[in-house]
N, C-alpha and C. Protein backbone atom coordinates (compact mmCIF):
# COMPACT_ATOMS: atom_id res chain seq x y z
N MET A 1 -110.97 87.65 97.33
CA MET A 1 -109.54 87.55 97.16
C MET A 1 -109.05 88.66 96.23
N LYS A 2 -107.96 89.28 96.62
CA LYS A 2 -107.38 90.38 95.86
C LYS A 2 -106.62 89.82 94.66
N PRO A 3 -106.85 90.36 93.43
CA PRO A 3 -106.11 89.86 92.27
C PRO A 3 -104.62 90.18 92.37
N LEU A 4 -103.80 89.23 91.90
CA LEU A 4 -102.35 89.44 91.90
C LEU A 4 -101.97 90.36 90.75
N VAL A 5 -100.92 91.15 90.95
CA VAL A 5 -100.46 92.07 89.92
C VAL A 5 -99.00 91.75 89.61
N ASN A 6 -98.73 91.51 88.34
CA ASN A 6 -97.37 91.30 87.87
C ASN A 6 -96.96 92.49 87.02
N LEU A 7 -95.66 92.57 86.72
CA LEU A 7 -95.17 93.61 85.83
C LEU A 7 -94.67 92.97 84.54
N CYS A 8 -94.95 93.62 83.44
CA CYS A 8 -94.48 93.14 82.13
C CYS A 8 -92.95 93.19 82.13
N VAL A 9 -92.33 92.12 81.64
CA VAL A 9 -90.86 92.07 81.64
C VAL A 9 -90.24 92.98 80.59
N VAL A 10 -91.04 93.48 79.65
CA VAL A 10 -90.52 94.36 78.61
C VAL A 10 -90.72 95.83 78.97
N CYS A 11 -91.98 96.19 79.28
CA CYS A 11 -92.27 97.62 79.48
C CYS A 11 -92.60 97.98 80.93
N SER A 12 -92.64 97.00 81.80
CA SER A 12 -92.90 97.19 83.23
C SER A 12 -94.30 97.71 83.55
N SER A 13 -95.23 97.58 82.62
CA SER A 13 -96.60 97.96 82.95
C SER A 13 -97.26 96.84 83.73
N GLU A 14 -98.30 97.17 84.48
CA GLU A 14 -98.95 96.19 85.32
C GLU A 14 -99.76 95.19 84.49
N ILE A 15 -99.73 93.95 84.91
CA ILE A 15 -100.52 92.88 84.30
C ILE A 15 -101.35 92.26 85.41
N LYS A 16 -102.65 92.28 85.25
CA LYS A 16 -103.49 91.63 86.24
C LYS A 16 -103.51 90.15 85.93
N ALA A 17 -103.11 89.38 86.90
CA ALA A 17 -103.01 87.93 86.71
C ALA A 17 -104.38 87.27 86.90
N ALA A 18 -104.60 86.22 86.16
CA ALA A 18 -105.80 85.42 86.34
C ALA A 18 -105.64 84.61 87.62
N GLY A 19 -106.72 84.09 88.12
CA GLY A 19 -106.66 83.33 89.37
C GLY A 19 -105.97 82.00 89.25
N THR A 20 -105.92 81.43 88.04
CA THR A 20 -105.30 80.12 87.84
C THR A 20 -104.31 80.19 86.68
N GLY A 21 -103.53 79.15 86.61
CA GLY A 21 -102.59 79.05 85.49
C GLY A 21 -101.28 79.76 85.76
N ARG A 22 -100.46 79.73 84.76
CA ARG A 22 -99.13 80.33 84.84
C ARG A 22 -99.24 81.85 84.76
N PRO A 23 -98.43 82.56 85.53
CA PRO A 23 -98.48 84.02 85.47
C PRO A 23 -98.02 84.53 84.10
N ARG A 24 -98.67 85.55 83.62
CA ARG A 24 -98.29 86.14 82.34
C ARG A 24 -97.00 86.93 82.51
N LEU A 25 -96.20 86.95 81.46
CA LEU A 25 -94.95 87.71 81.49
C LEU A 25 -95.06 89.02 80.73
N TYR A 26 -95.97 89.08 79.76
CA TYR A 26 -96.06 90.24 78.87
C TYR A 26 -97.46 90.82 78.92
N CYS A 27 -97.53 92.12 78.77
CA CYS A 27 -98.83 92.79 78.81
C CYS A 27 -99.56 92.73 77.48
N SER A 28 -98.83 92.50 76.38
CA SER A 28 -99.46 92.50 75.06
C SER A 28 -98.64 91.63 74.10
N ASP A 29 -99.24 91.41 72.94
CA ASP A 29 -98.52 90.68 71.89
C ASP A 29 -97.30 91.46 71.41
N ALA A 30 -97.41 92.78 71.42
CA ALA A 30 -96.27 93.61 71.00
C ALA A 30 -95.08 93.40 71.92
N CYS A 31 -95.33 93.35 73.22
CA CYS A 31 -94.24 93.12 74.17
C CYS A 31 -93.68 91.70 74.03
N ARG A 32 -94.54 90.74 73.77
CA ARG A 32 -94.08 89.36 73.56
C ARG A 32 -93.16 89.30 72.32
N THR A 33 -93.56 89.98 71.25
CA THR A 33 -92.75 90.01 70.03
C THR A 33 -91.42 90.73 70.27
N THR A 34 -91.45 91.83 71.00
CA THR A 34 -90.22 92.55 71.33
C THR A 34 -89.26 91.67 72.11
N ALA A 35 -89.78 90.93 73.08
CA ALA A 35 -88.93 90.05 73.88
C ALA A 35 -88.33 88.94 73.02
N ARG A 36 -89.15 88.38 72.12
CA ARG A 36 -88.64 87.32 71.24
C ARG A 36 -87.54 87.85 70.33
N ARG A 37 -87.72 89.04 69.79
CA ARG A 37 -86.70 89.63 68.91
C ARG A 37 -85.42 89.95 69.68
N ARG A 38 -85.56 90.40 70.90
CA ARG A 38 -84.37 90.67 71.72
C ARG A 38 -83.60 89.37 72.00
N ARG A 39 -84.34 88.30 72.31
CA ARG A 39 -83.67 87.01 72.56
C ARG A 39 -82.95 86.53 71.31
N ALA A 40 -83.62 86.66 70.16
CA ALA A 40 -83.00 86.22 68.90
C ALA A 40 -81.75 87.04 68.60
N ALA A 41 -81.82 88.35 68.81
CA ALA A 41 -80.67 89.21 68.54
C ALA A 41 -79.50 88.90 69.46
N SER A 42 -79.80 88.56 70.70
CA SER A 42 -78.72 88.25 71.63
C SER A 42 -78.07 86.91 71.33
N GLN A 43 -78.78 86.03 70.61
CA GLN A 43 -78.23 84.72 70.27
C GLN A 43 -77.50 84.71 68.95
N GLU A 44 -77.71 85.75 68.14
CA GLU A 44 -77.04 85.80 66.85
C GLU A 44 -75.56 86.08 67.06
N VAL A 45 -74.75 85.22 66.50
CA VAL A 45 -73.31 85.39 66.59
C VAL A 45 -72.76 85.24 65.19
N GLY A 46 -71.92 86.15 64.80
CA GLY A 46 -71.34 86.08 63.47
C GLY A 46 -70.26 85.01 63.38
N ALA A 47 -69.98 84.60 62.14
CA ALA A 47 -68.96 83.57 61.92
C ALA A 47 -67.60 84.04 62.42
N ALA A 48 -67.33 85.33 62.29
CA ALA A 48 -66.03 85.85 62.75
C ALA A 48 -65.85 85.60 64.24
N GLU A 49 -66.94 85.78 65.01
CA GLU A 49 -66.83 85.56 66.44
C GLU A 49 -66.71 84.08 66.78
N VAL A 50 -67.46 83.24 66.06
CA VAL A 50 -67.44 81.81 66.34
C VAL A 50 -66.08 81.21 66.03
N PHE A 51 -65.51 81.58 64.89
CA PHE A 51 -64.27 80.96 64.44
C PHE A 51 -63.03 81.78 64.77
N GLY A 52 -63.21 82.92 65.41
CA GLY A 52 -62.07 83.74 65.78
C GLY A 52 -61.40 84.40 64.59
N LEU A 53 -62.18 84.71 63.56
CA LEU A 53 -61.63 85.33 62.36
C LEU A 53 -61.60 86.85 62.54
N PRO A 54 -60.65 87.51 61.87
CA PRO A 54 -60.61 88.97 61.95
C PRO A 54 -61.85 89.57 61.28
N ALA A 55 -62.69 90.25 62.04
CA ALA A 55 -63.97 90.74 61.55
C ALA A 55 -63.83 91.86 60.51
N ASN A 56 -62.85 92.72 60.66
CA ASN A 56 -62.71 93.87 59.77
C ASN A 56 -61.65 93.68 58.71
N ASP A 57 -61.18 92.45 58.52
CA ASP A 57 -60.14 92.17 57.54
C ASP A 57 -60.51 90.92 56.74
N PRO A 58 -61.32 91.09 55.68
CA PRO A 58 -61.78 89.93 54.92
C PRO A 58 -60.64 89.10 54.33
N ASP A 59 -59.58 89.75 53.85
CA ASP A 59 -58.46 89.00 53.29
C ASP A 59 -57.73 88.21 54.38
N GLY A 60 -57.60 88.81 55.55
CA GLY A 60 -57.00 88.10 56.67
C GLY A 60 -57.83 86.91 57.09
N ALA A 61 -59.16 87.07 57.04
CA ALA A 61 -60.06 85.97 57.38
C ALA A 61 -59.91 84.82 56.39
N VAL A 62 -59.78 85.15 55.09
CA VAL A 62 -59.58 84.10 54.08
C VAL A 62 -58.25 83.40 54.32
N LEU A 63 -57.21 84.16 54.56
CA LEU A 63 -55.90 83.57 54.81
C LEU A 63 -55.94 82.64 56.02
N GLN A 64 -56.56 83.09 57.10
CA GLN A 64 -56.64 82.27 58.30
C GLN A 64 -57.44 80.99 58.03
N THR A 65 -58.50 81.08 57.24
CA THR A 65 -59.30 79.91 56.92
C THR A 65 -58.52 78.93 56.06
N VAL A 66 -57.76 79.44 55.10
CA VAL A 66 -56.94 78.57 54.26
C VAL A 66 -55.88 77.86 55.10
N LEU A 67 -55.24 78.59 55.99
CA LEU A 67 -54.24 77.97 56.86
C LEU A 67 -54.87 76.92 57.77
N THR A 68 -56.05 77.20 58.28
CA THR A 68 -56.76 76.24 59.12
C THR A 68 -57.11 74.99 58.32
N ALA A 69 -57.53 75.16 57.08
CA ALA A 69 -57.83 74.01 56.23
C ALA A 69 -56.58 73.16 56.01
N GLY A 70 -55.42 73.81 55.86
CA GLY A 70 -54.18 73.07 55.72
C GLY A 70 -53.86 72.26 56.97
N VAL A 71 -54.12 72.83 58.13
CA VAL A 71 -53.91 72.11 59.38
C VAL A 71 -54.86 70.92 59.48
N VAL A 72 -56.12 71.12 59.08
CA VAL A 72 -57.09 70.02 59.10
C VAL A 72 -56.65 68.91 58.16
N ALA A 73 -56.15 69.27 56.98
CA ALA A 73 -55.66 68.26 56.04
C ALA A 73 -54.50 67.48 56.66
N ALA A 74 -53.60 68.18 57.34
CA ALA A 74 -52.48 67.49 57.99
C ALA A 74 -52.96 66.57 59.11
N GLN A 75 -53.99 66.98 59.82
CA GLN A 75 -54.55 66.12 60.87
C GLN A 75 -55.17 64.86 60.27
N PHE A 76 -55.88 65.01 59.16
CA PHE A 76 -56.44 63.84 58.49
C PHE A 76 -55.34 62.92 57.99
N ALA A 77 -54.26 63.49 57.45
CA ALA A 77 -53.15 62.67 56.97
C ALA A 77 -52.51 61.90 58.13
N TYR A 78 -52.34 62.55 59.25
CA TYR A 78 -51.79 61.89 60.44
C TYR A 78 -52.70 60.75 60.88
N ASN A 79 -54.00 61.02 60.91
CA ASN A 79 -54.95 59.99 61.30
C ASN A 79 -54.97 58.83 60.32
N ALA A 80 -54.71 59.11 59.04
CA ALA A 80 -54.68 58.03 58.05
C ALA A 80 -53.57 57.04 58.36
N GLU A 81 -52.50 57.51 58.96
CA GLU A 81 -51.39 56.64 59.30
C GLU A 81 -51.61 55.87 60.60
N ASN A 82 -52.48 56.38 61.46
CA ASN A 82 -52.61 55.80 62.80
C ASN A 82 -53.98 55.21 63.13
N ALA A 83 -54.95 55.44 62.27
CA ALA A 83 -56.32 55.00 62.57
C ALA A 83 -56.53 53.55 62.13
N ARG A 84 -57.64 52.98 62.61
CA ARG A 84 -58.05 51.65 62.16
C ARG A 84 -58.29 51.68 60.66
N PRO A 85 -58.16 50.57 59.98
CA PRO A 85 -58.35 50.55 58.52
C PRO A 85 -59.71 51.10 58.07
N GLN A 86 -60.75 50.89 58.88
CA GLN A 86 -62.07 51.39 58.51
C GLN A 86 -62.10 52.92 58.40
N PHE A 87 -61.22 53.59 59.15
CA PHE A 87 -61.17 55.05 59.12
C PHE A 87 -59.97 55.57 58.35
N ALA A 88 -58.91 54.78 58.28
CA ALA A 88 -57.66 55.26 57.68
C ALA A 88 -57.84 55.69 56.23
N TRP A 89 -58.51 54.88 55.44
CA TRP A 89 -58.66 55.24 54.03
C TRP A 89 -59.55 56.47 53.86
N ARG A 90 -60.53 56.62 54.73
CA ARG A 90 -61.38 57.82 54.66
C ARG A 90 -60.57 59.07 55.01
N CYS A 91 -59.74 58.95 56.04
CA CYS A 91 -58.89 60.07 56.43
C CYS A 91 -57.92 60.43 55.31
N ARG A 92 -57.35 59.43 54.66
CA ARG A 92 -56.43 59.68 53.54
C ARG A 92 -57.14 60.40 52.41
N LYS A 93 -58.34 59.94 52.06
CA LYS A 93 -59.11 60.58 50.98
C LYS A 93 -59.44 62.03 51.34
N MET A 94 -59.85 62.25 52.58
CA MET A 94 -60.20 63.60 53.00
C MET A 94 -58.98 64.51 52.96
N ALA A 95 -57.85 64.03 53.45
CA ALA A 95 -56.61 64.82 53.40
C ALA A 95 -56.26 65.16 51.96
N ASP A 96 -56.36 64.17 51.08
CA ASP A 96 -56.04 64.40 49.67
C ASP A 96 -56.97 65.42 49.03
N HIS A 97 -58.27 65.31 49.32
CA HIS A 97 -59.24 66.23 48.72
C HIS A 97 -59.05 67.66 49.23
N ILE A 98 -58.82 67.81 50.52
CA ILE A 98 -58.61 69.16 51.07
C ILE A 98 -57.34 69.76 50.47
N THR A 99 -56.27 68.97 50.43
CA THR A 99 -55.00 69.47 49.89
C THR A 99 -55.14 69.83 48.42
N LEU A 100 -55.83 68.99 47.66
CA LEU A 100 -56.04 69.27 46.23
C LEU A 100 -56.85 70.55 46.04
N GLY A 101 -57.91 70.72 46.84
CA GLY A 101 -58.72 71.94 46.75
C GLY A 101 -57.92 73.18 47.10
N LEU A 102 -57.10 73.09 48.13
CA LEU A 102 -56.28 74.24 48.51
C LEU A 102 -55.27 74.58 47.42
N LYS A 103 -54.65 73.56 46.84
CA LYS A 103 -53.68 73.82 45.76
C LYS A 103 -54.37 74.39 44.53
N ARG A 104 -55.57 73.89 44.24
CA ARG A 104 -56.28 74.34 43.05
C ARG A 104 -56.76 75.77 43.17
N TRP A 105 -57.31 76.14 44.32
CA TRP A 105 -57.95 77.43 44.45
C TRP A 105 -57.12 78.49 45.17
N PHE A 106 -56.12 78.09 45.94
CA PHE A 106 -55.39 79.06 46.73
C PHE A 106 -53.88 78.95 46.58
N GLU A 107 -53.42 78.36 45.52
CA GLU A 107 -51.97 78.26 45.29
C GLU A 107 -51.43 79.68 45.09
N PRO A 108 -50.31 79.98 45.75
CA PRO A 108 -49.76 81.35 45.63
C PRO A 108 -49.31 81.68 44.24
């Protein structure tokens, strides 16, 4: 029986496959490490991209985050008025704490 030949997914060199088991994807440990690093790099996403913050404007990003925190506090306050008692007091406390923190650290 003729041995099967696969190509390395990183460098495209030939890999002679064994007769049994799963086909190999990489010709060496170096190629396996390269592939793992490429996968990790492609999955890395910065906070600016995740939260839609301006990447090249740190002050704008802080301002947008502070405004978002104010909106979250308002949402908690709204929920405190409309939620079941088991959640209402927690929502009220959270709204109060967020508002207090914003006033303390970001008051104009």
